Amino acid sequence: MKDYEEFKEIINMDVRTFFPGEDKILQIVEAVYREKREILIREVYNTREKQFRDALVSLGWTPPPLFPKEKKD
């Protein structure tokens, strides 16, 4: 529970995802916590088309539904 309480104190968090090449995904997570700035850089290499969606999900992406609900008028 202590970790959760500390996590709530994060003042600002920014997540940026880049696709610098066909076989690489780069994600930069920047957080400000108790006036300290932390930067985490995560990279996923050698992704194939089949693995691309799974790699994005592992980096925090929420995929759209496969069958979106139709809008009712």
PDB file of N, CA and C in Angstrom:
ATOM      1  N   MET A   1       0.823  -1.200   0.000  1.00  0.00           N
ATOM      2  CA  MET A   1       0.000   0.000   0.000  1.00  0.00           C
ATOM      3  C   MET A   1       0.861   1.255   0.000  1.00  0.00           C
ATOM      4  N   LYS A   2       2.036   1.167   0.604  1.00  0.00           N
ATOM      5  CA  LYS A   2       2.920   2.324   0.664  1.00  0.00           C
ATOM      6  C   LYS A   2       3.302   2.795  -0.740  1.00  0.00           C
ATOM      7  N   ASP A   3       3.595   1.840  -1.638  1.00  0.00           N
ATOM      8  CA  ASP A   3       3.954   2.205  -3.007  1.00  0.00           C
ATOM      9  C   ASP A   3       2.821   2.969  -3.682  1.00  0.00           C
ATOM     10  N   TYR A   4       1.583   2.541  -3.451  1.00  0.00           N
ATOM     11  CA  TYR A   4       0.435   3.219  -4.043  1.00  0.00           C
ATOM     12  C   TYR A   4       0.322   4.646  -3.527  1.00  0.00           C
ATOM     13  N   GLU A   5       0.517   4.830  -2.237  1.00  0.00           N
ATOM     14  CA  GLU A   5       0.438   6.171  -1.658  1.00  0.00           C
ATOM     15  C   GLU A   5       1.515   7.072  -2.250  1.00  0.00           C
ATOM     16  N   GLU A   6       2.716   6.542  -2.435  1.00  0.00           N
ATOM     17  CA  GLU A   6       3.788   7.341  -3.027  1.00  0.00           C
ATOM     18  C   GLU A   6       3.477   7.658  -4.483  1.00  0.00           C
ATOM     19  N   PHE A   7       2.889   6.691  -5.205  1.00  0.00           N
ATOM     20  CA  PHE A   7       2.567   6.906  -6.608  1.00  0.00           C
ATOM     21  C   PHE A   7       1.554   8.030  -6.764  1.00  0.00           C
ATOM     22  N   LYS A   8       0.617   8.161  -5.832  1.00  0.00           N
ATOM     23  CA  LYS A   8      -0.391   9.219  -5.909  1.00  0.00           C
ATOM     24  C   LYS A   8       0.240  10.598  -5.806  1.00  0.00           C
ATOM     25  N   GLU A   9       1.455  10.680  -5.267  1.00  0.00           N
ATOM     26  CA  GLU A   9       2.102  11.970  -5.083  1.00  0.00           C
ATOM     27  C   GLU A   9       2.828  12.451  -6.336  1.00  0.00           C
ATOM     28  N   ILE A  10       2.809  11.678  -7.402  1.00  0.00           N
ATOM     29  CA  ILE A  10       3.447  12.130  -8.636  1.00  0.00           C
ATOM     30  C   ILE A  10       2.700  13.360  -9.129  1.00  0.00           C
ATOM     31  N   ILE A  11       3.438  14.413  -9.368  1.00  0.00           N
ATOM     32  CA  ILE A  11       2.834  15.682  -9.746  1.00  0.00           C
ATOM     33  C   ILE A  11       2.465  15.701 -11.226  1.00  0.00           C
ATOM     34  N   ASN A  12       3.359  15.203 -12.051  1.00  0.00           N
ATOM     35  CA  ASN A  12       3.149  15.283 -13.489  1.00  0.00           C
ATOM     36  C   ASN A  12       3.803  14.079 -14.149  1.00  0.00           C
ATOM     37  N   MET A  13       3.115  13.472 -15.110  1.00  0.00           N
ATOM     38  CA  MET A  13       3.698  12.360 -15.851  1.00  0.00           C
ATOM     39  C   MET A  13       3.389  12.555 -17.324  1.00  0.00           C
ATOM     40  N   ASP A  14       4.398  12.376 -18.161  1.00  0.00           N
ATOM     41  CA  ASP A  14       4.258  12.540 -19.600  1.00  0.00           C
ATOM     42  C   ASP A  14       4.808  11.287 -20.268  1.00  0.00           C
ATOM     43  N   VAL A  15       4.019  10.669 -21.145  1.00  0.00           N
ATOM     44  CA  VAL A  15       4.448   9.467 -21.852  1.00  0.00           C
ATOM     45  C   VAL A  15       4.416   9.775 -23.340  1.00  0.00           C
ATOM     46  N   ARG A  16       5.544   9.560 -23.997  1.00  0.00           N
ATOM     47  CA  ARG A  16       5.637   9.786 -25.444  1.00  0.00           C
ATOM     48  C   ARG A  16       6.119   8.506 -26.113  1.00  0.00           C
ATOM     49  N   THR A  17       5.460   8.107 -27.202  1.00  0.00           N
ATOM     50  CA  THR A  17       5.823   6.897 -27.928  1.00  0.00           C
ATOM     51  C   THR A  17       6.236   7.288 -29.339  1.00  0.00           C
ATOM     52  N   PHE A  18       7.363   6.724 -29.792  1.00  0.00           N
ATOM     53  CA  PHE A  18       7.912   7.035 -31.109  1.00  0.00           C
ATOM     54  C   PHE A  18       8.126   5.742 -31.889  1.00  0.00           C
ATOM     55  N   PHE A  19       8.109   5.842 -33.195  1.00  0.00           N
ATOM     56  CA  PHE A  19       8.380   4.723 -34.086  1.00  0.00           C
ATOM     57  C   PHE A  19       9.552   5.118 -34.983  1.00  0.00           C
ATOM     58  N   PRO A  20      10.788   5.072 -34.463  1.00  0.00           N
ATOM     59  CA  PRO A  20      11.937   5.560 -35.218  1.00  0.00           C
ATOM     60  C   PRO A  20      12.362   4.662 -36.372  1.00  0.00           C
ATOM     61  N   GLY A  21      11.830   3.478 -36.467  1.00  0.00           N
ATOM     62  CA  GLY A  21      12.163   2.575 -37.562  1.00  0.00           C
ATOM     63  C   GLY A  21      11.133   1.476 -37.642  1.00  0.00           C
ATOM     64  N   GLU A  22      11.221   0.674 -38.695  1.00  0.00           N
ATOM     65  CA  GLU A  22      10.224  -0.370 -38.877  1.00  0.00           C
ATOM     66  C   GLU A  22      10.333  -1.467 -37.833  1.00  0.00           C
ATOM     67  N   ASP A  23      11.505  -1.624 -37.214  1.00  0.00           N
ATOM     68  CA  ASP A  23      11.694  -2.728 -36.276  1.00  0.00           C
ATOM     69  C   ASP A  23      11.905  -2.248 -34.845  1.00  0.00           C
ATOM     70  N   LYS A  24      11.468  -1.035 -34.530  1.00  0.00           N
ATOM     71  CA  LYS A  24      11.762  -0.489 -33.213  1.00  0.00           C
ATOM     72  C   LYS A  24      10.635   0.424 -32.731  1.00  0.00           C
ATOM     73  N   ILE A  25      10.324   0.324 -31.436  1.00  0.00           N
ATOM     74  CA  ILE A  25       9.381   1.225 -30.779  1.00  0.00           C
ATOM     75  C   ILE A  25      10.119   1.831 -29.601  1.00  0.00           C
ATOM     76  N   LEU A  26      10.031   3.127 -29.433  1.00  0.00           N
ATOM     77  CA  LEU A  26      10.713   3.827 -28.347  1.00  0.00           C
ATOM     78  C   LEU A  26       9.674   4.574 -27.525  1.00  0.00           C
ATOM     79  N   GLN A  27       9.738   4.409 -26.207  1.00  0.00           N
ATOM     80  CA  GLN A  27       8.806   5.120 -25.331  1.00  0.00           C
ATOM     81  C   GLN A  27       9.597   5.844 -24.253  1.00  0.00           C
ATOM     82  N   ILE A  28       9.269   7.119 -24.059  1.00  0.00           N
ATOM     83  CA  ILE A  28       9.919   7.941 -23.035  1.00  0.00           C
ATOM     84  C   ILE A  28       8.857   8.324 -22.005  1.00  0.00           C
ATOM     85  N   VAL A  29       9.109   7.972 -20.749  1.00  0.00           N
ATOM     86  CA  VAL A  29       8.200   8.292 -19.648  1.00  0.00           C
ATOM     87  C   VAL A  29       8.920   9.284 -18.747  1.00  0.00           C
ATOM     88  N   GLU A  30       8.326  10.448 -18.550  1.00  0.00           N
ATOM     89  CA  GLU A  30       8.918  11.488 -17.706  1.00  0.00           C
ATOM     90  C   GLU A  30       7.953  11.792 -16.565  1.00  0.00           C
ATOM     91  N   ALA A  31       8.467  11.755 -15.332  1.00  0.00           N
ATOM     92  CA  ALA A  31       7.623  12.013 -14.163  1.00  0.00           C
ATOM     93  C   ALA A  31       8.320  12.984 -13.227  1.00  0.00           C
ATOM     94  N   VAL A  32       7.518  13.837 -12.600  1.00  0.00           N
ATOM     95  CA  VAL A  32       8.023  14.747 -11.570  1.00  0.00           C
ATOM     96  C   VAL A  32       7.444  14.255 -10.250  1.00  0.00           C
ATOM     97  N   TYR A  33       8.321  13.963  -9.286  1.00  0.00           N
ATOM     98  CA  TYR A  33       7.913  13.395  -8.011  1.00  0.00           C
ATOM     99  C   TYR A  33       8.685  14.082  -6.898  1.00  0.00           C
ATOM    100  N   ARG A  34       7.956  14.754  -6.026  1.00  0.00           N
ATOM    101  CA  ARG A  34       8.577  15.473  -4.906  1.00  0.00           C
ATOM    102  C   ARG A  34       9.742  16.346  -5.386  1.00  0.00           C
ATOM    103  N   GLU A  35       9.460  17.121  -6.415  1.00  0.00           N
ATOM    104  CA  GLU A  35      10.412  18.060  -7.009  1.00  0.00           C
ATOM    105  C   GLU A  35      11.618  17.377  -7.644  1.00  0.00           C
ATOM    106  N   LYS A  36      11.527  16.073  -7.894  1.00  0.00           N
ATOM    107  CA  LYS A  36      12.580  15.354  -8.606  1.00  0.00           C
ATOM    108  C   LYS A  36      12.031  14.936  -9.958  1.00  0.00           C
ATOM    109  N   ARG A  37      12.861  15.000 -10.959  1.00  0.00           N
ATOM    110  CA  ARG A  37      12.461  14.640 -12.315  1.00  0.00           C
ATOM    111  C   ARG A  37      13.103  13.306 -12.672  1.00  0.00           C
ATOM    112  N   GLU A  38      12.295  12.350 -13.101  1.00  0.00           N
ATOM    113  CA  GLU A  38      12.777  11.027 -13.485  1.00  0.00           C
ATOM    114  C   GLU A  38      12.390  10.776 -14.937  1.00  0.00           C
ATOM    115  N   ILE A  39      13.300  10.198 -15.692  1.00  0.00           N
ATOM    116  CA  ILE A  39      13.027   9.867 -17.087  1.00  0.00           C
ATOM    117  C   ILE A  39      13.353   8.391 -17.305  1.00  0.00           C
ATOM    118  N   LEU A  40      12.402   7.662 -17.878  1.00  0.00           N
ATOM    119  CA  LEU A  40      12.581   6.254 -18.199  1.00  0.00           C
ATOM    120  C   LEU A  40      12.458   6.107 -19.705  1.00  0.00           C
ATOM    121  N   ILE A  41      13.415   5.437 -20.309  1.00  0.00           N
ATOM    122  CA  ILE A  41      13.379   5.185 -21.749  1.00  0.00           C
ATOM    123  C   ILE A  41      13.285   3.678 -21.951  1.00  0.00           C
ATOM    124  N   ARG A  42      12.230   3.250 -22.658  1.00  0.00           N
ATOM    125  CA  ARG A  42      12.041   1.828 -22.937  1.00  0.00           C
ATOM    126  C   ARG A  42      12.063   1.630 -24.443  1.00  0.00           C
ATOM    127  N   GLU A  43      12.722   0.562 -24.873  1.00  0.00           N
ATOM    128  CA  GLU A  43      12.806   0.260 -26.294  1.00  0.00           C
ATOM    129  C   GLU A  43      12.384  -1.185 -26.543  1.00  0.00           C
ATOM    130  N   VAL A  44      11.680  -1.398 -27.639  1.00  0.00           N
ATOM    131  CA  VAL A  44      11.320  -2.735 -28.091  1.00  0.00           C
ATOM    132  C   VAL A  44      11.892  -2.876 -29.496  1.00  0.00           C
ATOM    133  N   TYR A  45      12.708  -3.919 -29.694  1.00  0.00           N
ATOM    134  CA  TYR A  45      13.362  -4.130 -30.987  1.00  0.00           C
ATOM    135  C   TYR A  45      12.797  -5.351 -31.701  1.00  0.00           C
ATOM    136  N   ASN A  46      13.099  -5.420 -32.986  1.00  0.00           N
ATOM    137  CA  ASN A  46      12.800  -6.582 -33.823  1.00  0.00           C
ATOM    138  C   ASN A  46      11.332  -6.988 -33.776  1.00  0.00           C
ATOM    139  N   THR A  47      10.466  -6.013 -33.875  1.00  0.00           N
ATOM    140  CA  THR A  47       9.043  -6.331 -33.889  1.00  0.00           C
ATOM    141  C   THR A  47       8.634  -6.705 -35.305  1.00  0.00           C
ATOM    142  N   ARG A  48       7.849  -7.725 -35.417  1.00  0.00           N
ATOM    143  CA  ARG A  48       7.279  -8.108 -36.701  1.00  0.00           C
ATOM    144  C   ARG A  48       5.860  -7.564 -36.745  1.00  0.00           C
ATOM    145  N   GLU A  49       5.289  -7.570 -37.901  1.00  0.00           N
ATOM    146  CA  GLU A  49       3.930  -7.032 -38.033  1.00  0.00           C
ATOM    147  C   GLU A  49       2.975  -7.734 -37.067  1.00  0.00           C
ATOM    148  N   LYS A  50       3.119  -9.051 -36.923  1.00  0.00           N
ATOM    149  CA  LYS A  50       2.262  -9.818 -36.029  1.00  0.00           C
ATOM    150  C   LYS A  50       2.487  -9.438 -34.567  1.00  0.00           C
ATOM    151  N   GLN A  51       3.718  -9.090 -34.204  1.00  0.00           N
ATOM    152  CA  GLN A  51       4.061  -8.762 -32.824  1.00  0.00           C
ATOM    153  C   GLN A  51       3.869  -7.282 -32.502  1.00  0.00           C
ATOM    154  N   PHE A  52       3.630  -6.479 -33.499  1.00  0.00           N
ATOM    155  CA  PHE A  52       3.594  -5.030 -33.324  1.00  0.00           C
ATOM    156  C   PHE A  52       2.519  -4.604 -32.328  1.00  0.00           C
ATOM    157  N   ARG A  53       1.320  -5.141 -32.470  1.00  0.00           N
ATOM    158  CA  ARG A  53       0.217  -4.783 -31.570  1.00  0.00           C
ATOM    159  C   ARG A  53       0.534  -5.190 -30.131  1.00  0.00           C
ATOM    160  N   ASP A  54       1.080  -6.404 -29.944  1.00  0.00           N
ATOM    161  CA  ASP A  54       1.429  -6.862 -28.596  1.00  0.00           C
ATOM    162  C   ASP A  54       2.499  -5.975 -27.974  1.00  0.00           C
ATOM    163  N   ALA A  55       3.445  -5.537 -28.773  1.00  0.00           N
ATOM    164  CA  ALA A  55       4.498  -4.657 -28.262  1.00  0.00           C
ATOM    165  C   ALA A  55       3.906  -3.325 -27.807  1.00  0.00           C
ATOM    166  N   LEU A  56       2.987  -2.780 -28.571  1.00  0.00           N
ATOM    167  CA  LEU A  56       2.342  -1.520 -28.190  1.00  0.00           C
ATOM    168  C   LEU A  56       1.540  -1.682 -26.906  1.00  0.00           C
ATOM    169  N   VAL A  57       0.835  -2.796 -26.787  1.00  0.00           N
ATOM    170  CA  VAL A  57       0.050  -3.042 -25.576  1.00  0.00           C
ATOM    171  C   VAL A  57       0.974  -3.152 -24.372  1.00  0.00           C
ATOM    172  N   SER A  58       2.122  -3.813 -24.533  1.00  0.00           N
ATOM    173  CA  SER A  58       3.061  -3.941 -23.410  1.00  0.00           C
ATOM    174  C   SER A  58       3.641  -2.594 -22.999  1.00  0.00           C
ATOM    175  N   LEU A  59       3.619  -1.630 -23.909  1.00  0.00           N
ATOM    176  CA  LEU A  59       4.101  -0.288 -23.586  1.00  0.00           C
ATOM    177  C   LEU A  59       2.993   0.608 -23.032  1.00  0.00           C
ATOM    178  N   GLY A  60       1.799   0.059 -22.909  1.00  0.00           N
ATOM    179  CA  GLY A  60       0.728   0.832 -22.291  1.00  0.00           C
ATOM    180  C   GLY A  60      -0.367   1.299 -23.233  1.00  0.00           C
ATOM    181  N   TRP A  61      -0.295   0.954 -24.517  1.00  0.00           N
ATOM    182  CA  TRP A  61      -1.308   1.379 -25.478  1.00  0.00           C
ATOM    183  C   TRP A  61      -2.584   0.581 -25.277  1.00  0.00           C
ATOM    184  N   THR A  62      -3.716   1.237 -25.326  1.00  0.00           N
ATOM    185  CA  THR A  62      -5.007   0.564 -25.243  1.00  0.00           C
ATOM    186  C   THR A  62      -5.581   0.484 -26.650  1.00  0.00           C
ATOM    187  N   PRO A  63      -5.650  -0.722 -27.204  1.00  0.00           N
ATOM    188  CA  PRO A  63      -6.135  -0.841 -28.580  1.00  0.00           C
ATOM    189  C   PRO A  63      -7.623  -0.544 -28.678  1.00  0.00           C
ATOM    190  N   PRO A  64      -8.057  -0.041 -29.831  1.00  0.00           N
ATOM    191  CA  PRO A  64      -9.487   0.189 -30.015  1.00  0.00           C
ATOM    192  C   PRO A  64     -10.208  -1.157 -30.101  1.00  0.00           C
ATOM    193  N   PRO A  65     -11.500  -1.201 -29.831  1.00  0.00           N
ATOM    194  CA  PRO A  65     -12.229  -2.468 -29.920  1.00  0.00           C
ATOM    195  C   PRO A  65     -12.236  -2.989 -31.353  1.00  0.00           C
ATOM    196  N   LEU A  66     -12.206  -4.309 -31.487  1.00  0.00           N
ATOM    197  CA  LEU A  66     -12.221  -4.896 -32.827  1.00  0.00           C
ATOM    198  C   LEU A  66     -13.533  -4.627 -33.544  1.00  0.00           C
ATOM    199  N   PHE A  67     -14.622  -4.623 -32.792  1.00  0.00           N
ATOM    200  CA  PHE A  67     -15.933  -4.369 -33.363  1.00  0.00           C
ATOM    201  C   PHE A  67     -16.563  -3.199 -32.615  1.00  0.00           C
ATOM    202  N   PRO A  68     -16.286  -1.970 -33.050  1.00  0.00           N
ATOM    203  CA  PRO A  68     -16.836  -0.811 -32.335  1.00  0.00           C
ATOM    204  C   PRO A  68     -18.362  -0.820 -32.356  1.00  0.00           C
ATOM    205  N   LYS A  69     -18.924  -0.334 -31.270  1.00  0.00           N
ATOM    206  CA  LYS A  69     -20.383  -0.253 -31.183  1.00  0.00           C
ATOM    207  C   LYS A  69     -20.892   0.802 -32.152  1.00  0.00           C
ATOM    208  N   GLU A  70     -21.998   0.481 -32.791  1.00  0.00           N
ATOM    209  CA  GLU A  70     -22.600   1.439 -33.715  1.00  0.00           C
ATOM    210  C   GLU A  70     -23.289   2.540 -32.928  1.00  0.00           C
ATOM    211  N   LYS A  71     -23.192   3.752 -33.441  1.00  0.00           N
ATOM    212  CA  LYS A  71     -23.841   4.887 -32.787  1.00  0.00           C
ATOM    213  C   LYS A  71     -25.330   4.859 -33.089  1.00  0.00           C
ATOM    214  N   LYS A  72     -26.118   5.058 -32.038  1.00  0.00           N
ATOM    215  CA  LYS A  72     -27.570   5.121 -32.221  1.00  0.00           C
ATOM    216  C   LYS A  72     -27.978   6.579 -32.350  1.00  0.00           C
ATOM    217  N   ASP A  73     -28.867   6.837 -33.298  1.00  0.00           N
ATOM    218  CA  ASP A  73     -29.333   8.211 -33.513  1.00  0.00           C
ATOM    219  C   ASP A  73     -30.379   8.603 -32.516  1.00  0.00           C
TER     220      ASP A  73
END
